[in-house]
PDB file of all heavy atoms in Angstrom:
ATOM      1  N   ARG A   1       0.837  -1.193   0.001  1.00  0.00           N
ATOM      2  CA  ARG A   1       0.002  -0.001   0.005  1.00  0.00           C
ATOM      3  C   ARG A   1       0.871   1.257   0.003  1.00  0.00           C
ATOM      4  O   ARG A   1       0.576   2.223  -0.695  1.00  0.00           O
ATOM      5  CB  ARG A   1      -0.915  -0.010   1.228  1.00  0.00           C
ATOM      6  CG  ARG A   1      -1.690   1.284   1.397  1.00  0.00           C
ATOM      7  CD  ARG A   1      -2.741   1.193   2.456  1.00  0.00           C
ATOM      8  NE  ARG A   1      -3.256   2.531   2.790  1.00  0.00           N
ATOM      9  CZ  ARG A   1      -4.314   2.736   3.532  1.00  0.00           C
ATOM     10  NH1 ARG A   1      -5.010   1.715   4.025  1.00  0.00           N
ATOM     11  NH2 ARG A   1      -4.727   3.961   3.798  1.00  0.00           N
ATOM     12  N   LEU A   2       1.952   1.212   0.760  1.00  0.00           N
ATOM     13  CA  LEU A   2       2.857   2.355   0.799  1.00  0.00           C
ATOM     14  C   LEU A   2       3.444   2.633  -0.582  1.00  0.00           C
ATOM     15  O   LEU A   2       3.552   3.772  -1.017  1.00  0.00           O
ATOM     16  CB  LEU A   2       3.981   2.084   1.812  1.00  0.00           C
ATOM     17  CG  LEU A   2       5.051   3.171   1.937  1.00  0.00           C
ATOM     18  CD1 LEU A   2       4.472   4.419   2.606  1.00  0.00           C
ATOM     19  CD2 LEU A   2       6.248   2.654   2.757  1.00  0.00           C
ATOM     20  N   MET A   3       3.811   1.542  -1.293  1.00  0.00           N
ATOM     21  CA  MET A   3       4.442   1.693  -2.596  1.00  0.00           C
ATOM     22  C   MET A   3       3.442   2.136  -3.673  1.00  0.00           C
ATOM     23  O   MET A   3       3.827   2.797  -4.654  1.00  0.00           O
ATOM     24  CB  MET A   3       5.121   0.385  -3.004  1.00  0.00           C
ATOM     25  CG  MET A   3       6.281  -0.013  -2.103  1.00  0.00           C
ATOM     26  SD  MET A   3       6.970  -1.635  -2.544  1.00  0.00           S
ATOM     27  CE  MET A   3       7.786  -1.252  -4.102  1.00  0.00           C
ATOM     28  N   THR A   4       2.188   1.745  -3.515  1.00  0.00           N
ATOM     29  CA  THR A   4       1.205   2.052  -4.559  1.00  0.00           C
ATOM     30  C   THR A   4       0.389   3.304  -4.252  1.00  0.00           C
ATOM     31  O   THR A   4       0.118   4.106  -5.151  1.00  0.00           O
ATOM     32  CB  THR A   4       0.243   0.866  -4.767  1.00  0.00           C
ATOM     33  OG1 THR A   4      -0.350   0.503  -3.473  1.00  0.00           O
ATOM     34  CG2 THR A   4       0.984  -0.329  -5.328  1.00  0.00           C
ATOM     35  N   LEU A   5       0.003   3.479  -2.995  1.00  0.00           N
ATOM     36  CA  LEU A   5      -0.854   4.608  -2.632  1.00  0.00           C
ATOM     37  C   LEU A   5      -0.083   5.739  -1.927  1.00  0.00           C
ATOM     38  O   LEU A   5      -0.611   6.831  -1.750  1.00  0.00           O
ATOM     39  CB  LEU A   5      -2.010   4.142  -1.737  1.00  0.00           C
ATOM     40  CG  LEU A   5      -2.949   3.084  -2.377  1.00  0.00           C
ATOM     41  CD1 LEU A   5      -4.027   2.685  -1.388  1.00  0.00           C
ATOM     42  CD2 LEU A   5      -3.548   3.613  -3.662  1.00  0.00           C
ATOM     43  N   GLY A   6       1.129   5.416  -1.472  1.00  0.00           N
ATOM     44  CA  GLY A   6       1.967   6.462  -0.896  1.00  0.00           C
ATOM     45  C   GLY A   6       1.764   6.697   0.591  1.00  0.00           C
ATOM     46  O   GLY A   6       2.362   7.598   1.168  1.00  0.00           O
ATOM     47  N   ASP A   7       0.896   5.889   1.243  1.00  0.00           N
ATOM     48  CA  ASP A   7       0.752   6.032   2.695  1.00  0.00           C
ATOM     49  C   ASP A   7       0.695   4.662   3.341  1.00  0.00           C
ATOM     50  O   ASP A   7       0.570   3.632   2.668  1.00  0.00           O
ATOM     51  CB  ASP A   7      -0.498   6.841   3.058  1.00  0.00           C
ATOM     52  CG  ASP A   7      -1.782   6.135   2.656  1.00  0.00           C
ATOM     53  OD1 ASP A   7      -1.700   5.074   1.997  1.00  0.00           O
ATOM     54  OD2 ASP A   7      -2.869   6.628   2.975  1.00  0.00           O
ATOM     55  N   ILE A   8       0.817   4.634   4.669  1.00  0.00           N
ATOM     56  CA  ILE A   8       0.843   3.385   5.384  1.00  0.00           C
ATOM     57  C   ILE A   8      -0.294   3.371   6.376  1.00  0.00           C
ATOM     58  O   ILE A   8      -0.588   4.434   7.008  1.00  0.00           O
ATOM     59  CB  ILE A   8       2.220   3.195   6.091  1.00  0.00           C
ATOM     60  CG1 ILE A   8       2.398   1.757   6.550  1.00  0.00           C
ATOM     61  CG2 ILE A   8       2.401   4.159   7.255  1.00  0.00           C
ATOM     62  CD1 ILE A   8       3.834   1.418   6.888  1.00  0.00           C
ATOM     63  N   PRO A   9      -1.020   2.292   6.541  1.00  0.00           N
ATOM     64  CA  PRO A   9      -2.162   2.260   7.471  1.00  0.00           C
ATOM     65  C   PRO A   9      -1.717   2.613   8.901  1.00  0.00           C
ATOM     66  O   PRO A   9      -0.635   2.229   9.334  1.00  0.00           O
ATOM     67  CB  PRO A   9      -2.648   0.802   7.374  1.00  0.00           C
ATOM     68  CG  PRO A   9      -2.101   0.277   6.094  1.00  0.00           C
ATOM     69  CD  PRO A   9      -0.824   0.996   5.872  1.00  0.00           C
ATOM     70  N   ALA A  10      -2.573   3.311   9.599  1.00  0.00           N
ATOM     71  CA  ALA A  10      -2.240   3.732  10.965  1.00  0.00           C
ATOM     72  C   ALA A  10      -2.019   2.521  11.873  1.00  0.00           C
ATOM     73  O   ALA A  10      -1.228   2.584  12.816  1.00  0.00           O
ATOM     74  CB  ALA A  10      -3.360   4.603  11.510  1.00  0.00           C
ATOM     75  N   SER A  11      -2.703   1.431  11.557  1.00  0.00           N
ATOM     76  CA  SER A  11      -2.604   0.256  12.421  1.00  0.00           C
ATOM     77  C   SER A  11      -1.365  -0.590  12.123  1.00  0.00           C
ATOM     78  O   SER A  11      -1.080  -1.540  12.855  1.00  0.00           O
ATOM     79  CB  SER A  11      -3.840  -0.630  12.231  1.00  0.00           C
ATOM     80  OG  SER A  11      -3.944  -1.055  10.865  1.00  0.00           O
ATOM     81  N   ALA A  12      -0.625  -0.265  11.069  1.00  0.00           N
ATOM     82  CA  ALA A  12       0.499  -1.116  10.651  1.00  0.00           C
ATOM     83  C   ALA A  12       1.598  -1.182  11.704  1.00  0.00           C
ATOM     84  O   ALA A  12       2.295  -2.190  11.804  1.00  0.00           O
ATOM     85  CB  ALA A  12       1.081  -0.595   9.331  1.00  0.00           C
ATOM     86  N   MET A  13       1.775  -0.123  12.488  1.00  0.00           N
ATOM     87  CA  MET A  13       2.850  -0.090  13.486  1.00  0.00           C
ATOM     88  C   MET A  13       2.362  -0.435  14.889  1.00  0.00           C
ATOM     89  O   MET A  13       3.111  -0.278  15.841  1.00  0.00           O
ATOM     90  CB  MET A  13       3.497   1.291  13.499  1.00  0.00           C
ATOM     91  CG  MET A  13       4.224   1.620  12.209  1.00  0.00           C
ATOM     92  SD  MET A  13       5.486   0.389  11.825  1.00  0.00           S
ATOM     93  CE  MET A  13       5.811   0.810  10.109  1.00  0.00           C
ATOM     94  N   GLU A  14       1.140  -0.912  14.973  1.00  0.00           N
ATOM     95  CA  GLU A  14       0.610  -1.244  16.288  1.00  0.00           C
ATOM     96  C   GLU A  14       1.486  -2.321  16.957  1.00  0.00           C
ATOM     97  O   GLU A  14       1.755  -3.365  16.374  1.00  0.00           O
ATOM     98  CB  GLU A  14      -0.824  -1.735  16.165  1.00  0.00           C
ATOM     99  CG  GLU A  14      -1.517  -1.940  17.498  1.00  0.00           C
ATOM    100  CD  GLU A  14      -2.998  -2.261  17.330  1.00  0.00           C
ATOM    101  OE1 GLU A  14      -3.579  -1.904  16.277  1.00  0.00           O
ATOM    102  OE2 GLU A  14      -3.572  -2.853  18.244  1.00  0.00           O
ATOM    103  N   GLY A  15       1.913  -2.044  18.171  1.00  0.00           N
ATOM    104  CA  GLY A  15       2.744  -2.984  18.917  1.00  0.00           C
ATOM    105  C   GLY A  15       4.228  -2.820  18.690  1.00  0.00           C
ATOM    106  O   GLY A  15       5.037  -3.351  19.444  1.00  0.00           O
ATOM    107  N   TYR A  16       4.579  -2.098  17.614  1.00  0.00           N
ATOM    108  CA  TYR A  16       6.010  -1.969  17.308  1.00  0.00           C
ATOM    109  C   TYR A  16       6.723  -1.037  18.294  1.00  0.00           C
ATOM    110  O   TYR A  16       7.893  -1.259  18.646  1.00  0.00           O
ATOM    111  CB  TYR A  16       6.196  -1.444  15.885  1.00  0.00           C
ATOM    112  CG  TYR A  16       7.641  -1.435  15.426  1.00  0.00           C
ATOM    113  CD1 TYR A  16       8.399  -2.600  15.454  1.00  0.00           C
ATOM    114  CD2 TYR A  16       8.253  -0.270  14.978  1.00  0.00           C
ATOM    115  CE1 TYR A  16       9.710  -2.602  15.033  1.00  0.00           C
ATOM    116  CE2 TYR A  16       9.562  -0.260  14.559  1.00  0.00           C
ATOM    117  CZ  TYR A  16      10.295  -1.437  14.591  1.00  0.00           C
ATOM    118  OH  TYR A  16      11.609  -1.438  14.178  1.00  0.00           O
ATOM    119  N   GLY A  17       6.018   0.004  18.752  1.00  0.00           N
ATOM    120  CA  GLY A  17       6.627   0.904  19.726  1.00  0.00           C
ATOM    121  C   GLY A  17       6.974   0.179  21.012  1.00  0.00           C
ATOM    122  O   GLY A  17       8.077   0.330  21.558  1.00  0.00           O
ATOM    123  N   GLU A  18       6.056  -0.654  21.480  1.00  0.00           N
ATOM    124  CA  GLU A  18       6.316  -1.429  22.703  1.00  0.00           C
ATOM    125  C   GLU A  18       7.471  -2.390  22.488  1.00  0.00           C
ATOM    126  O   GLU A  18       8.300  -2.609  23.379  1.00  0.00           O
ATOM    127  CB  GLU A  18       5.053  -2.181  23.106  1.00  0.00           C
ATOM    128  CG  GLU A  18       5.175  -2.915  24.446  1.00  0.00           C
ATOM    129  CD  GLU A  18       3.865  -3.562  24.859  1.00  0.00           C
ATOM    130  OE1 GLU A  18       2.819  -3.289  24.233  1.00  0.00           O
ATOM    131  OE2 GLU A  18       3.889  -4.357  25.827  1.00  0.00           O
ATOM    132  N   GLU A  19       7.535  -2.954  21.285  1.00  0.00           N
ATOM    133  CA  GLU A  19       8.645  -3.856  20.956  1.00  0.00           C
ATOM    134  C   GLU A  19       9.988  -3.121  21.016  1.00  0.00           C
ATOM    135  O   GLU A  19      10.980  -3.634  21.559  1.00  0.00           O
ATOM    136  CB  GLU A  19       8.430  -4.460  19.563  1.00  0.00           C
ATOM    137  CG  GLU A  19       9.506  -5.426  19.127  1.00  0.00           C
ATOM    138  CD  GLU A  19       9.316  -5.927  17.719  1.00  0.00           C
ATOM    139  OE1 GLU A  19       8.145  -6.010  17.263  1.00  0.00           O
ATOM    140  OE2 GLU A  19      10.313  -6.193  17.030  1.00  0.00           O
ATOM    141  N   LEU A  20      10.028  -1.915  20.471  1.00  0.00           N
ATOM    142  CA  LEU A  20      11.268  -1.144  20.505  1.00  0.00           C
ATOM    143  C   LEU A  20      11.685  -0.813  21.933  1.00  0.00           C
ATOM    144  O   LEU A  20      12.854  -0.888  22.293  1.00  0.00           O
ATOM    145  CB  LEU A  20      11.092   0.161  19.712  1.00  0.00           C
ATOM    146  CG  LEU A  20      11.107   0.077  18.194  1.00  0.00           C
ATOM    147  CD1 LEU A  20      10.885   1.464  17.597  1.00  0.00           C
ATOM    148  CD2 LEU A  20      12.416  -0.507  17.687  1.00  0.00           C
ATOM    149  N   LEU A  21      10.698  -0.466  22.763  1.00  0.00           N
ATOM    150  CA  LEU A  21      11.006  -0.101  24.147  1.00  0.00           C
ATOM    151  C   LEU A  21      11.519  -1.290  24.953  1.00  0.00           C
ATOM    152  O   LEU A  21      12.198  -1.105  25.953  1.00  0.00           O
ATOM    153  CB  LEU A  21       9.764   0.501  24.812  1.00  0.00           C
ATOM    154  CG  LEU A  21       9.263   1.824  24.231  1.00  0.00           C
ATOM    155  CD1 LEU A  21       7.984   2.282  24.932  1.00  0.00           C
ATOM    156  CD2 LEU A  21      10.330   2.907  24.359  1.00  0.00           C
ATOM    157  N   SER A  22      11.187  -2.497  24.504  1.00  0.00           N
ATOM    158  CA  SER A  22      11.609  -3.675  25.235  1.00  0.00           C
ATOM    159  C   SER A  22      13.041  -4.110  24.854  1.00  0.00           C
ATOM    160  O   SER A  22      13.639  -4.957  25.506  1.00  0.00           O
ATOM    161  CB  SER A  22      10.669  -4.848  24.982  1.00  0.00           C
ATOM    162  OG  SER A  22      10.748  -5.272  23.632  1.00  0.00           O
ATOM    163  N   ARG A  23      13.566  -3.536  23.759  1.00  0.00           N
ATOM    164  CA  ARG A  23      14.913  -3.909  23.312  1.00  0.00           C
ATOM    165  C   ARG A  23      15.973  -3.090  24.032  1.00  0.00           C
ATOM    166  O   ARG A  23      15.711  -1.981  24.510  1.00  0.00           O
ATOM    167  CB  ARG A  23      15.054  -3.653  21.799  1.00  0.00           C
ATOM    168  CG  ARG A  23      14.151  -4.439  20.917  1.00  0.00           C
ATOM    169  CD  ARG A  23      14.396  -4.016  19.468  1.00  0.00           C
ATOM    170  NE  ARG A  23      13.464  -4.632  18.530  1.00  0.00           N
ATOM    171  CZ  ARG A  23      13.420  -4.308  17.245  1.00  0.00           C
ATOM    172  NH1 ARG A  23      14.262  -3.402  16.758  1.00  0.00           N
ATOM    173  NH2 ARG A  23      12.542  -4.898  16.427  1.00  0.00           N
ATOM    174  N   ASN A  24      17.171  -3.639  24.067  1.00  0.00           N
ATOM    175  CA  ASN A  24      18.314  -2.839  24.511  1.00  0.00           C
ATOM    176  C   ASN A  24      18.675  -1.867  23.404  1.00  0.00           C
ATOM    177  O   ASN A  24      18.753  -2.238  22.230  1.00  0.00           O
ATOM    178  CB  ASN A  24      19.518  -3.750  24.814  1.00  0.00           C
ATOM    179  CG  ASN A  24      19.279  -4.611  26.044  1.00  0.00           C
ATOM    180  OD1 ASN A  24      18.638  -4.190  26.993  1.00  0.00           O
ATOM    181  ND2 ASN A  24      19.804  -5.835  26.035  1.00  0.00           N
ATOM    182  N   LEU A  25      18.895  -0.613  23.754  1.00  0.00           N
ATOM    183  CA  LEU A  25      19.240   0.361  22.758  1.00  0.00           C
ATOM    184  C   LEU A  25      20.595   0.042  22.141  1.00  0.00           C
ATOM    185  O   LEU A  25      21.545  -0.291  22.871  1.00  0.00           O
ATOM    186  CB  LEU A  25      19.268   1.770  23.374  1.00  0.00           C
ATOM    187  CG  LEU A  25      17.922   2.299  23.869  1.00  0.00           C
ATOM    188  CD1 LEU A  25      18.109   3.677  24.483  1.00  0.00           C
ATOM    189  CD2 LEU A  25      16.912   2.366  22.719  1.00  0.00           C
ATOM    190  N   PRO A  26      20.726   0.129  20.811  1.00  0.00           N
ATOM    191  CA  PRO A  26      22.029  -0.146  20.188  1.00  0.00           C
ATOM    192  C   PRO A  26      23.034   0.937  20.581  1.00  0.00           C
ATOM    193  O   PRO A  26      22.673   2.102  20.773  1.00  0.00           O
ATOM    194  CB  PRO A  26      21.709  -0.121  18.690  1.00  0.00           C
ATOM    195  CG  PRO A  26      20.488   0.721  18.567  1.00  0.00           C
ATOM    196  CD  PRO A  26      19.689   0.511  19.817  1.00  0.00           C
ATOM    197  N   ARG A  27      24.292   0.524  20.660  1.00  0.00           N
ATOM    198  CA  ARG A  27      25.367   1.469  20.995  1.00  0.00           C
ATOM    199  C   ARG A  27      26.447   1.414  19.927  1.00  0.00           C
ATOM    200  O   ARG A  27      26.777   0.337  19.416  1.00  0.00           O
ATOM    201  CB  ARG A  27      25.993   1.119  22.339  1.00  0.00           C
ATOM    202  CG  ARG A  27      25.225   1.543  23.565  1.00  0.00           C
ATOM    203  CD  ARG A  27      25.959   1.118  24.823  1.00  0.00           C
ATOM    204  NE  ARG A  27      27.353   1.582  24.819  1.00  0.00           N
ATOM    205  CZ  ARG A  27      28.297   1.166  25.672  1.00  0.00           C
ATOM    206  NH1 ARG A  27      27.982   0.254  26.571  1.00  0.00           N
ATOM    207  NH2 ARG A  27      29.513   1.643  25.603  1.00  0.00           N
ATOM    208  N   PRO A  28      27.000   2.558  19.578  1.00  0.00           N
ATOM    209  CA  PRO A  28      28.113   2.543  18.637  1.00  0.00           C
ATOM    210  C   PRO A  28      29.395   2.147  19.324  1.00  0.00           C
ATOM    211  O   PRO A  28      29.453   2.040  20.563  1.00  0.00           O
ATOM    212  CB  PRO A  28      28.185   4.003  18.174  1.00  0.00           C
ATOM    213  CG  PRO A  28      27.706   4.780  19.370  1.00  0.00           C
ATOM    214  CD  PRO A  28      26.656   3.914  20.034  1.00  0.00           C
ATOM    215  N   GLN A  29      30.445   1.905  18.571  1.00  0.00           N
ATOM    216  CA  GLN A  29      31.736   1.609  19.164  1.00  0.00           C
ATOM    217  C   GLN A  29      32.248   2.843  19.907  1.00  0.00           C
ATOM    218  O   GLN A  29      32.051   3.975  19.464  1.00  0.00           O
ATOM    219  CB  GLN A  29      32.726   1.200  18.057  1.00  0.00           C
ATOM    220  CG  GLN A  29      32.374  -0.110  17.388  1.00  0.00           C
ATOM    221  CD  GLN A  29      33.389  -0.486  16.313  1.00  0.00           C
ATOM    222  OE1 GLN A  29      34.443   0.152  16.197  1.00  0.00           O
ATOM    223  NE2 GLN A  29      33.071  -1.506  15.545  1.00  0.00           N
ATOM    224  N   ASP A  30      32.906   2.569  21.011  1.00  0.00           N
ATOM    225  CA  ASP A  30      33.357   3.677  21.859  1.00  0.00           C
ATOM    226  C   ASP A  30      34.246   4.666  21.142  1.00  0.00           C
ATOM    227  O   ASP A  30      34.095   5.885  21.276  1.00  0.00           O
ATOM    228  CB  ASP A  30      34.096   3.120  23.090  1.00  0.00           C
ATOM    229  CG  ASP A  30      33.160   2.427  24.072  1.00  0.00           C
ATOM    230  OD1 ASP A  30      31.934   2.553  23.918  1.00  0.00           O
ATOM    231  OD2 ASP A  30      33.679   1.725  24.987  1.00  0.00           O
ATOM    232  N   ASP A  31      35.200   4.166  20.335  1.00  0.00           N
ATOM    233  CA  ASP A  31      36.136   5.078  19.688  1.00  0.00           C
ATOM    234  C   ASP A  31      35.446   5.980  18.671  1.00  0.00           C
ATOM    235  O   ASP A  31      35.774   7.160  18.531  1.00  0.00           O
ATOM    236  CB  ASP A  31      37.281   4.303  19.020  1.00  0.00           C
ATOM    237  CG  ASP A  31      36.789   3.270  18.034  1.00  0.00           C
ATOM    238  OD1 ASP A  31      35.592   2.910  18.070  1.00  0.00           O
ATOM    239  OD2 ASP A  31      37.606   2.803  17.205  1.00  0.00           O
ATOM    240  N   ILE A  32      34.445   5.418  17.961  1.00  0.00           N
ATOM    241  CA  ILE A  32      33.708   6.230  17.013  1.00  0.00           C
ATOM    242  C   ILE A  32      32.886   7.294  17.727  1.00  0.00           C
ATOM    243  O   ILE A  32      32.844   8.468  17.325  1.00  0.00           O
ATOM    244  CB  ILE A  32      32.786   5.334  16.135  1.00  0.00           C
ATOM    245  CG1 ILE A  32      33.628   4.380  15.304  1.00  0.00           C
ATOM    246  CG2 ILE A  32      31.886   6.190  15.245  1.00  0.00           C
ATOM    247  CD1 ILE A  32      32.824   3.396  14.491  1.00  0.00           C
ATOM    248  N   LEU A  33      32.236   6.893  18.814  1.00  0.00           N
ATOM    249  CA  LEU A  33      31.424   7.844  19.589  1.00  0.00           C
ATOM    250  C   LEU A  33      32.308   8.960  20.162  1.00  0.00           C
ATOM    251  O   LEU A  33      31.951  10.156  20.093  1.00  0.00           O
ATOM    252  CB  LEU A  33      30.677   7.127  20.697  1.00  0.00           C
ATOM    253  CG  LEU A  33      29.847   8.022  21.622  1.00  0.00           C
ATOM    254  CD1 LEU A  33      28.798   8.787  20.838  1.00  0.00           C
ATOM    255  CD2 LEU A  33      29.184   7.190  22.741  1.00  0.00           C
ATOM    256  N   LEU A  34      33.439   8.590  20.713  1.00  0.00           N
ATOM    257  CA  LEU A  34      34.358   9.590  21.292  1.00  0.00           C
ATOM    258  C   LEU A  34      34.803  10.595  20.242  1.00  0.00           C
ATOM    259  O   LEU A  34      34.894  11.814  20.487  1.00  0.00           O
ATOM    260  CB  LEU A  34      35.562   8.894  21.918  1.00  0.00           C
ATOM    261  CG  LEU A  34      35.283   8.140  23.227  1.00  0.00           C
ATOM    262  CD1 LEU A  34      36.462   7.238  23.606  1.00  0.00           C
ATOM    263  CD2 LEU A  34      34.976   9.106  24.361  1.00  0.00           C
ATOM    264  N   GLU A  35      35.095  10.112  19.051  1.00  0.00           N
ATOM    265  CA  GLU A  35      35.521  10.997  17.971  1.00  0.00           C
ATOM    266  C   GLU A  35      34.438  11.986  17.599  1.00  0.00           C
ATOM    267  O   GLU A  35      34.690  13.183  17.422  1.00  0.00           O
ATOM    268  CB  GLU A  35      35.918  10.147  16.742  1.00  0.00           C
ATOM    269  CG  GLU A  35      36.352  10.967  15.548  1.00  0.00           C
ATOM    270  CD  GLU A  35      36.623  10.102  14.326  1.00  0.00           C
ATOM    271  OE1 GLU A  35      36.719   8.860  14.477  1.00  0.00           O
ATOM    272  OE2 GLU A  35      36.712  10.655  13.215  1.00  0.00           O
ATOM    273  N   GLN A  36      33.184  11.489  17.483  1.00  0.00           N
ATOM    274  CA  GLN A  36      32.090  12.357  17.089  1.00  0.00           C
ATOM    275  C   GLN A  36      31.715  13.344  18.199  1.00  0.00           C
ATOM    276  O   GLN A  36      31.355  14.498  17.912  1.00  0.00           O
ATOM    277  CB  GLN A  36      30.858  11.503  16.714  1.00  0.00           C
ATOM    278  CG  GLN A  36      31.024  10.709  15.432  1.00  0.00           C
ATOM    279  CD  GLN A  36      31.282  11.616  14.245  1.00  0.00           C
ATOM    280  OE1 GLN A  36      30.582  12.620  14.042  1.00  0.00           O
ATOM    281  NE2 GLN A  36      32.306  11.303  13.461  1.00  0.00           N
ATOM    282  N   LEU A  37      31.809  12.919  19.455  1.00  0.00           N
ATOM    283  CA  LEU A  37      31.544  13.850  20.555  1.00  0.00           C
ATOM    284  C   LEU A  37      32.600  14.950  20.596  1.00  0.00           C
ATOM    285  O   LEU A  37      32.294  16.122  20.816  1.00  0.00           O
ATOM    286  CB  LEU A  37      31.524  13.088  21.881  1.00  0.00           C
ATOM    287  CG  LEU A  37      30.321  12.151  22.099  1.00  0.00           C
ATOM    288  CD1 LEU A  37      30.479  11.389  23.418  1.00  0.00           C
ATOM    289  CD2 LEU A  37      28.993  12.918  22.094  1.00  0.00           C
ATOM    290  N   ALA A  38      33.857  14.550  20.349  1.00  0.00           N
ATOM    291  CA  ALA A  38      34.937  15.557  20.342  1.00  0.00           C
ATOM    292  C   ALA A  38      34.722  16.576  19.223  1.00  0.00           C
ATOM    293  O   ALA A  38      34.965  17.792  19.447  1.00  0.00           O
ATOM    294  CB  ALA A  38      36.287  14.848  20.195  1.00  0.00           C
ATOM    295  N   GLU A  39      34.266  16.128  18.082  1.00  0.00           N
ATOM    296  CA  GLU A  39      34.026  17.055  16.954  1.00  0.00           C
ATOM    297  C   GLU A  39      32.959  18.082  17.308  1.00  0.00           C
ATOM    298  O   GLU A  39      32.956  19.214  16.827  1.00  0.00           O
ATOM    299  CB  GLU A  39      33.619  16.287  15.709  1.00  0.00           C
ATOM    300  CG  GLU A  39      34.755  15.597  14.991  1.00  0.00           C
ATOM    301  CD  GLU A  39      34.305  14.994  13.665  1.00  0.00           C
ATOM    302  OE1 GLU A  39      33.163  15.295  13.221  1.00  0.00           O
ATOM    303  OE2 GLU A  39      35.096  14.223  13.081  1.00  0.00           O
ATOM    304  N   ARG A  40      32.006  17.666  18.147  1.00  0.00           N
ATOM    305  CA  ARG A  40      30.913  18.554  18.537  1.00  0.00           C
ATOM    306  C   ARG A  40      31.209  19.340  19.815  1.00  0.00           C
ATOM    307  O   ARG A  40      30.364  20.057  20.325  1.00  0.00           O
ATOM    308  CB  ARG A  40      29.621  17.737  18.719  1.00  0.00           C
ATOM    309  CG  ARG A  40      29.075  17.175  17.413  1.00  0.00           C
ATOM    310  CD  ARG A  40      28.007  16.142  17.682  1.00  0.00           C
ATOM    311  NE  ARG A  40      27.325  15.723  16.463  1.00  0.00           N
ATOM    312  CZ  ARG A  40      27.782  14.821  15.612  1.00  0.00           C
ATOM    313  NH1 ARG A  40      28.955  14.252  15.828  1.00  0.00           N
ATOM    314  NH2 ARG A  40      27.094  14.507  14.524  1.00  0.00           N
ATOM    315  N   GLY A  41      32.414  19.131  20.358  1.00  0.00           N
ATOM    316  CA  GLY A  41      32.789  19.825  21.579  1.00  0.00           C
ATOM    317  C   GLY A  41      32.064  19.307  22.809  1.00  0.00           C
ATOM    318  O   GLY A  41      31.801  20.074  23.747  1.00  0.00           O
ATOM    319  N   LEU A  42      31.702  18.024  22.799  1.00  0.00           N
ATOM    320  CA  LEU A  42      30.944  17.433  23.901  1.00  0.00           C
ATOM    321  C   LEU A  42      31.791  16.447  24.665  1.00  0.00           C
ATOM    322  O   LEU A  42      32.703  15.817  24.114  1.00  0.00           O
ATOM    323  CB  LEU A  42      29.705  16.707  23.365  1.00  0.00           C
ATOM    324  CG  LEU A  42      28.675  17.565  22.618  1.00  0.00           C
ATOM    325  CD1 LEU A  42      27.610  16.688  21.993  1.00  0.00           C
ATOM    326  CD2 LEU A  42      28.049  18.583  23.575  1.00  0.00           C
ATOM    327  N   GLY A  43      31.474  16.272  25.944  1.00  0.00           N
ATOM    328  CA  GLY A  43      32.138  15.264  26.772  1.00  0.00           C
ATOM    329  C   GLY A  43      31.373  13.963  26.702  1.00  0.00           C
ATOM    330  O   GLY A  43      30.250  13.890  26.192  1.00  0.00           O
ATOM    331  N   SER A  44      32.004  12.907  27.225  1.00  0.00           N
ATOM    332  CA  SER A  44      31.388  11.577  27.192  1.00  0.00           C
ATOM    333  C   SER A  44      31.036  11.036  28.571  1.00  0.00           C
ATOM    334  O   SER A  44      30.274  10.076  28.692  1.00  0.00           O
ATOM    335  CB  SER A  44      32.315  10.584  26.487  1.00  0.00           C
ATOM    336  OG  SER A  44      33.567  10.514  27.164  1.00  0.00           O
ATOM    337  N   GLU A  45      31.577  11.628  29.627  1.00  0.00           N
ATOM    338  CA  GLU A  45      31.370  11.037  30.954  1.00  0.00           C
ATOM    339  C   GLU A  45      29.913  11.091  31.402  1.00  0.00           C
ATOM    340  O   GLU A  45      29.397  10.117  31.950  1.00  0.00           O
ATOM    341  CB  GLU A  45      32.258  11.716  32.003  1.00  0.00           C
ATOM    342  CG  GLU A  45      32.121  11.061  33.381  1.00  0.00           C
ATOM    343  CD  GLU A  45      33.158  11.521  34.387  1.00  0.00           C
ATOM    344  OE1 GLU A  45      34.008  12.367  34.030  1.00  0.00           O
ATOM    345  OE2 GLU A  45      33.114  11.037  35.530  1.00  0.00           O
ATOM    346  N   ALA A  46      29.250  12.192  31.164  1.00  0.00           N
ATOM    347  CA  ALA A  46      27.851  12.313  31.577  1.00  0.00           C
ATOM    348  C   ALA A  46      27.004  11.237  30.894  1.00  0.00           C
ATOM    349  O   ALA A  46      26.131  10.610  31.511  1.00  0.00           O
ATOM    350  CB  ALA A  46      27.306  13.697  31.242  1.00  0.00           C
ATOM    351  N   TYR A  47      27.275  11.002  29.582  1.00  0.00           N
ATOM    352  CA  TYR A  47      26.576   9.934  28.856  1.00  0.00           C
ATOM    353  C   TYR A  47      26.902   8.573  29.453  1.00  0.00           C
ATOM    354  O   TYR A  47      26.026   7.744  29.689  1.00  0.00           O
ATOM    355  CB  TYR A  47      26.994   9.991  27.372  1.00  0.00           C
ATOM    356  CG  TYR A  47      26.709   8.754  26.580  1.00  0.00           C
ATOM    357  CD1 TYR A  47      25.439   8.478  26.108  1.00  0.00           C
ATOM    358  CD2 TYR A  47      27.717   7.852  26.268  1.00  0.00           C
ATOM    359  CE1 TYR A  47      25.160   7.337  25.359  1.00  0.00           C
ATOM    360  CE2 TYR A  47      27.469   6.711  25.523  1.00  0.00           C
ATOM    361  CZ  TYR A  47      26.193   6.457  25.060  1.00  0.00           C
ATOM    362  OH  TYR A  47      25.943   5.332  24.327  1.00  0.00           O
TER     363      TYR A  47
END
């Protein structure tokens, strides 16, 4: 329906939000995160 009509039914994502909340959040590799935080002038300890 999305490909043909351009929209997705409101009920299509029912239950998916709860599923996401039950998962462990993905984390990037520490060295990559540290590099990106440094570029933005941010620290990492609070995170």
